[in-house]
N, C-alpha and C. Protein backbone atom coordinates (compact mmCIF):
# COMPACT_ATOMS: atom_id res chain seq x y z
N UNK A 1 5.36 4.94 1.75
CA UNK A 1 5.77 5.36 3.05
C UNK A 1 4.90 6.56 3.43
N UNK A 2 4.42 6.59 4.66
CA UNK A 2 3.58 7.69 5.14
C UNK A 2 4.19 8.29 6.40
N UNK A 3 4.24 9.62 6.42
CA UNK A 3 4.78 10.38 7.54
C UNK A 3 3.64 11.16 8.19
N UNK A 4 3.55 11.16 9.51
CA UNK A 4 2.58 12.01 10.20
C UNK A 4 3.10 13.45 10.17
N UNK A 5 2.24 14.44 10.43
CA UNK A 5 2.68 15.83 10.39
C UNK A 5 3.93 16.06 11.24
N UNK A 6 4.91 16.74 10.66
CA UNK A 6 6.14 17.07 11.36
C UNK A 6 7.19 15.98 11.37
N UNK A 7 6.84 14.77 10.92
CA UNK A 7 7.79 13.66 10.93
C UNK A 7 8.73 13.76 9.73
N UNK A 8 10.00 13.52 9.97
CA UNK A 8 10.98 13.50 8.89
C UNK A 8 12.05 12.48 9.23
N UNK A 9 12.72 11.99 8.18
CA UNK A 9 13.78 11.04 8.45
C UNK A 9 15.09 11.79 8.70
N UNK A 10 16.11 11.06 9.11
CA UNK A 10 17.43 11.65 9.31
C UNK A 10 18.05 11.99 7.96
N UNK A 11 19.06 12.85 8.00
CA UNK A 11 19.90 13.02 6.84
C UNK A 11 20.43 11.64 6.48
N UNK A 12 20.57 11.35 5.21
CA UNK A 12 21.10 10.07 4.80
C UNK A 12 21.64 10.15 3.37
N UNK A 13 22.40 9.13 3.01
CA UNK A 13 23.00 9.04 1.68
C UNK A 13 22.76 7.63 1.16
N UNK A 14 22.32 7.54 -0.09
CA UNK A 14 22.21 6.26 -0.78
C UNK A 14 23.46 6.11 -1.64
N UNK A 15 24.11 4.98 -1.51
CA UNK A 15 25.35 4.72 -2.26
C UNK A 15 25.13 3.61 -3.27
N UNK A 16 25.90 3.63 -4.32
CA UNK A 16 25.89 2.58 -5.32
C UNK A 16 26.96 2.88 -6.36
N UNK A 17 27.28 1.89 -7.17
CA UNK A 17 28.27 2.09 -8.21
C UNK A 17 27.67 1.74 -9.56
N UNK A 18 28.25 2.31 -10.60
CA UNK A 18 27.81 2.00 -11.96
C UNK A 18 26.38 2.42 -12.25
N UNK A 19 25.97 3.58 -11.76
CA UNK A 19 24.60 4.06 -12.01
C UNK A 19 23.58 3.56 -11.01
N UNK A 20 24.01 2.81 -10.02
CA UNK A 20 23.10 2.28 -9.01
C UNK A 20 23.02 3.23 -7.82
N UNK A 21 21.95 3.11 -7.05
CA UNK A 21 21.83 3.84 -5.80
C UNK A 21 21.11 5.16 -5.89
N UNK A 22 20.70 5.59 -7.09
CA UNK A 22 19.87 6.80 -7.18
C UNK A 22 18.53 6.51 -6.51
N UNK A 23 17.94 7.53 -5.89
CA UNK A 23 16.62 7.38 -5.30
C UNK A 23 15.64 8.24 -6.07
N UNK A 24 14.45 7.71 -6.29
CA UNK A 24 13.37 8.46 -6.91
C UNK A 24 12.23 8.52 -5.92
N UNK A 25 11.77 9.73 -5.61
CA UNK A 25 10.65 9.95 -4.70
C UNK A 25 9.47 10.44 -5.51
N UNK A 26 8.29 9.90 -5.25
CA UNK A 26 7.06 10.33 -5.91
C UNK A 26 6.00 10.55 -4.85
N UNK A 27 5.60 11.82 -4.65
CA UNK A 27 4.58 12.14 -3.66
C UNK A 27 3.22 11.64 -4.15
N UNK A 28 2.53 10.90 -3.30
CA UNK A 28 1.21 10.36 -3.64
C UNK A 28 0.07 11.03 -2.89
N UNK A 29 0.37 11.69 -1.77
CA UNK A 29 -0.68 12.34 -0.98
C UNK A 29 -0.05 13.31 0.02
N UNK A 30 -0.82 14.34 0.37
CA UNK A 30 -0.40 15.25 1.43
C UNK A 30 0.60 16.29 0.97
N UNK A 31 1.43 16.73 1.92
CA UNK A 31 2.41 17.78 1.67
C UNK A 31 3.67 17.48 2.46
N UNK A 32 4.80 17.54 1.76
CA UNK A 32 6.06 17.24 2.42
C UNK A 32 7.21 18.01 1.82
N UNK A 33 8.41 17.62 2.24
CA UNK A 33 9.63 18.30 1.83
C UNK A 33 10.72 17.31 1.48
N UNK A 34 11.54 17.71 0.53
CA UNK A 34 12.80 17.04 0.21
C UNK A 34 13.87 18.13 0.25
N UNK A 35 15.04 17.81 0.80
CA UNK A 35 16.14 18.78 0.76
C UNK A 35 17.46 18.04 0.66
N UNK A 36 18.27 18.46 -0.32
CA UNK A 36 19.65 17.99 -0.43
C UNK A 36 20.54 18.96 0.34
N UNK A 37 21.59 18.45 0.92
CA UNK A 37 22.51 19.26 1.72
C UNK A 37 23.05 20.42 0.88
N UNK A 38 22.92 21.63 1.42
CA UNK A 38 23.42 22.82 0.75
C UNK A 38 22.50 23.39 -0.31
N UNK A 39 21.32 22.79 -0.49
CA UNK A 39 20.37 23.26 -1.51
C UNK A 39 19.08 23.72 -0.85
N UNK A 40 18.28 24.46 -1.60
CA UNK A 40 16.99 24.91 -1.12
C UNK A 40 16.03 23.72 -1.00
N UNK A 41 15.12 23.74 -0.02
CA UNK A 41 14.14 22.66 0.10
C UNK A 41 13.16 22.67 -1.07
N UNK A 42 12.64 21.50 -1.39
CA UNK A 42 11.66 21.32 -2.46
C UNK A 42 10.35 20.87 -1.82
N UNK A 43 9.29 21.65 -2.01
CA UNK A 43 7.97 21.27 -1.50
C UNK A 43 7.42 20.13 -2.37
N UNK A 44 6.91 19.10 -1.72
CA UNK A 44 6.36 17.96 -2.45
C UNK A 44 4.87 17.87 -2.18
N UNK A 45 4.11 17.82 -3.27
CA UNK A 45 2.66 17.64 -3.23
C UNK A 45 2.32 16.53 -4.19
N UNK A 46 1.10 15.99 -4.17
CA UNK A 46 0.77 14.87 -5.05
C UNK A 46 1.21 15.12 -6.50
N UNK A 47 1.96 14.16 -7.03
CA UNK A 47 2.47 14.25 -8.39
C UNK A 47 3.90 14.76 -8.48
N UNK A 48 4.42 15.37 -7.41
CA UNK A 48 5.80 15.85 -7.42
C UNK A 48 6.75 14.65 -7.38
N UNK A 49 7.77 14.68 -8.24
CA UNK A 49 8.80 13.65 -8.20
C UNK A 49 10.16 14.31 -8.08
N UNK A 50 11.07 13.61 -7.44
CA UNK A 50 12.44 14.10 -7.24
C UNK A 50 13.38 12.93 -7.50
N UNK A 51 14.44 13.19 -8.26
CA UNK A 51 15.50 12.20 -8.44
C UNK A 51 16.68 12.64 -7.58
N UNK A 52 17.14 11.74 -6.72
CA UNK A 52 18.25 12.02 -5.81
C UNK A 52 19.45 11.19 -6.28
N UNK A 53 20.46 11.84 -6.86
CA UNK A 53 21.61 11.08 -7.34
C UNK A 53 22.33 10.35 -6.20
N UNK A 54 22.83 9.18 -6.49
CA UNK A 54 23.63 8.42 -5.54
C UNK A 54 24.72 9.32 -4.97
N UNK A 55 24.96 9.21 -3.67
CA UNK A 55 26.00 10.00 -3.02
C UNK A 55 25.53 11.35 -2.50
N UNK A 56 24.24 11.68 -2.67
CA UNK A 56 23.70 12.97 -2.24
C UNK A 56 23.18 12.87 -0.81
N UNK A 57 23.71 13.70 0.08
CA UNK A 57 23.19 13.77 1.45
C UNK A 57 21.87 14.53 1.41
N UNK A 58 20.81 13.94 1.98
CA UNK A 58 19.48 14.53 1.88
C UNK A 58 18.56 14.01 2.98
N UNK A 59 17.37 14.61 3.04
CA UNK A 59 16.31 14.14 3.93
C UNK A 59 14.98 14.41 3.24
N UNK A 60 13.92 13.75 3.73
CA UNK A 60 12.56 14.03 3.27
C UNK A 60 11.59 13.69 4.39
N UNK A 61 10.43 14.36 4.37
CA UNK A 61 9.44 14.14 5.40
C UNK A 61 8.25 15.05 5.24
N UNK A 62 7.34 14.98 6.19
CA UNK A 62 6.07 15.70 6.13
C UNK A 62 6.24 17.17 6.48
N UNK A 63 5.31 17.97 5.97
CA UNK A 63 5.18 19.36 6.41
C UNK A 63 4.71 19.35 7.86
N UNK A 64 4.88 20.46 8.54
CA UNK A 64 4.52 20.53 9.96
C UNK A 64 3.04 20.28 10.20
N UNK A 65 2.18 20.71 9.28
CA UNK A 65 0.75 20.61 9.50
C UNK A 65 0.01 19.64 8.60
N UNK A 66 0.73 18.69 7.98
CA UNK A 66 0.06 17.80 7.02
C UNK A 66 0.68 16.41 7.03
N UNK A 67 -0.14 15.42 6.74
CA UNK A 67 0.36 14.08 6.48
C UNK A 67 1.04 14.09 5.12
N UNK A 68 1.94 13.15 4.88
CA UNK A 68 2.70 13.09 3.64
C UNK A 68 2.97 11.63 3.29
N UNK A 69 2.64 11.26 2.06
CA UNK A 69 2.93 9.90 1.59
C UNK A 69 3.72 9.97 0.29
N UNK A 70 4.69 9.08 0.17
CA UNK A 70 5.44 9.00 -1.07
C UNK A 70 5.87 7.57 -1.34
N UNK A 71 6.13 7.30 -2.61
CA UNK A 71 6.78 6.07 -3.02
C UNK A 71 8.26 6.39 -3.15
N UNK A 72 9.10 5.44 -2.79
CA UNK A 72 10.54 5.63 -2.91
C UNK A 72 11.14 4.42 -3.62
N UNK A 73 11.92 4.70 -4.65
CA UNK A 73 12.57 3.66 -5.45
C UNK A 73 14.07 3.90 -5.44
N UNK A 74 14.85 2.84 -5.41
CA UNK A 74 16.30 2.91 -5.52
C UNK A 74 16.70 2.16 -6.78
N UNK A 75 17.54 2.79 -7.62
CA UNK A 75 18.00 2.10 -8.83
C UNK A 75 18.91 0.95 -8.41
N UNK A 76 18.64 -0.26 -8.92
CA UNK A 76 19.40 -1.43 -8.50
C UNK A 76 20.78 -1.48 -9.14
N UNK A 77 21.65 -2.28 -8.55
CA UNK A 77 22.98 -2.47 -9.09
C UNK A 77 23.95 -2.90 -8.01
N UNK A 78 25.21 -2.62 -8.24
CA UNK A 78 26.28 -3.05 -7.36
C UNK A 78 26.45 -2.12 -6.16
N UNK A 79 26.78 -2.71 -5.03
CA UNK A 79 27.16 -1.98 -3.82
C UNK A 79 26.10 -0.98 -3.35
N UNK A 80 24.83 -1.28 -3.53
CA UNK A 80 23.76 -0.38 -3.09
C UNK A 80 23.60 -0.51 -1.58
N UNK A 81 23.66 0.65 -0.90
CA UNK A 81 23.50 0.66 0.55
C UNK A 81 23.11 2.07 0.98
N UNK A 82 22.57 2.16 2.19
CA UNK A 82 22.20 3.45 2.79
C UNK A 82 23.16 3.76 3.92
N UNK A 83 23.43 5.04 4.07
CA UNK A 83 24.24 5.53 5.19
C UNK A 83 23.37 6.51 5.96
N UNK A 84 22.96 6.13 7.17
CA UNK A 84 22.10 6.99 7.99
C UNK A 84 22.97 7.91 8.83
N UNK A 85 22.59 9.18 8.85
CA UNK A 85 23.37 10.22 9.50
C UNK A 85 22.57 10.90 10.60
N UNK A 86 22.92 12.13 10.93
CA UNK A 86 22.32 12.86 12.05
C UNK A 86 20.85 13.24 11.75
N UNK A 87 20.07 13.45 12.81
CA UNK A 87 18.68 13.91 12.64
C UNK A 87 18.64 15.30 11.99
N UNK A 88 17.54 15.58 11.31
CA UNK A 88 17.26 16.93 10.82
C UNK A 88 16.77 17.69 12.05
N UNK A 89 17.57 18.62 12.53
CA UNK A 89 17.21 19.29 13.78
C UNK A 89 16.08 20.30 13.56
N UNK A 90 15.46 20.68 14.67
CA UNK A 90 14.33 21.60 14.60
C UNK A 90 14.72 22.93 13.97
N UNK A 91 15.94 23.39 14.20
CA UNK A 91 16.39 24.66 13.63
C UNK A 91 16.33 24.63 12.09
N UNK A 92 16.79 23.54 11.49
CA UNK A 92 16.74 23.38 10.03
C UNK A 92 15.28 23.26 9.58
N UNK A 93 14.53 22.40 10.25
CA UNK A 93 13.14 22.14 9.86
C UNK A 93 12.27 23.40 9.96
N UNK A 94 12.47 24.18 11.01
CA UNK A 94 11.65 25.38 11.22
C UNK A 94 11.99 26.51 10.26
N UNK A 95 13.06 26.38 9.48
CA UNK A 95 13.41 27.38 8.48
C UNK A 95 12.71 27.15 7.14
N UNK A 96 11.93 26.07 7.05
CA UNK A 96 11.22 25.80 5.80
C UNK A 96 10.24 26.93 5.49
N UNK A 97 10.03 27.22 4.22
CA UNK A 97 9.05 28.25 3.86
C UNK A 97 7.69 27.92 4.45
N UNK A 98 6.96 28.97 4.80
CA UNK A 98 5.65 28.77 5.40
C UNK A 98 4.56 29.44 4.58
N UNK A 99 3.33 28.99 4.80
CA UNK A 99 2.15 29.58 4.21
C UNK A 99 1.18 29.87 5.33
N UNK A 100 0.76 31.12 5.48
CA UNK A 100 -0.16 31.51 6.55
C UNK A 100 0.37 31.09 7.92
N UNK A 101 1.68 31.19 8.10
CA UNK A 101 2.26 30.87 9.40
C UNK A 101 2.44 29.39 9.67
N UNK A 102 2.06 28.55 8.72
CA UNK A 102 2.18 27.09 8.90
C UNK A 102 3.14 26.54 7.86
N UNK A 103 3.93 25.55 8.22
CA UNK A 103 4.70 24.81 7.22
C UNK A 103 3.72 23.89 6.51
N UNK A 104 3.36 24.25 5.31
CA UNK A 104 2.32 23.50 4.60
C UNK A 104 2.86 22.87 3.34
């Protein structure tokens, strides 16, 4: 999946039962962000991986000034589904740490 600069997906939750529904993100190029609800954002650069436990509200997307590509895997099993929620608003996105005045 590739995001243009500033592009991010909505908050969402992956569901599953019996160990299913976890998401694994692996950054392959560029610079982006992952954030779980109520937690600090995680900067993603090539080689960064994140495991998102099933049931975790989160979002991921590109930095403001960079393209971002990642692979996304969902652990298979019973009752695996996604729940799409509200957009990540500009107020949340603009609070990301910056480098030289840019979200990088």
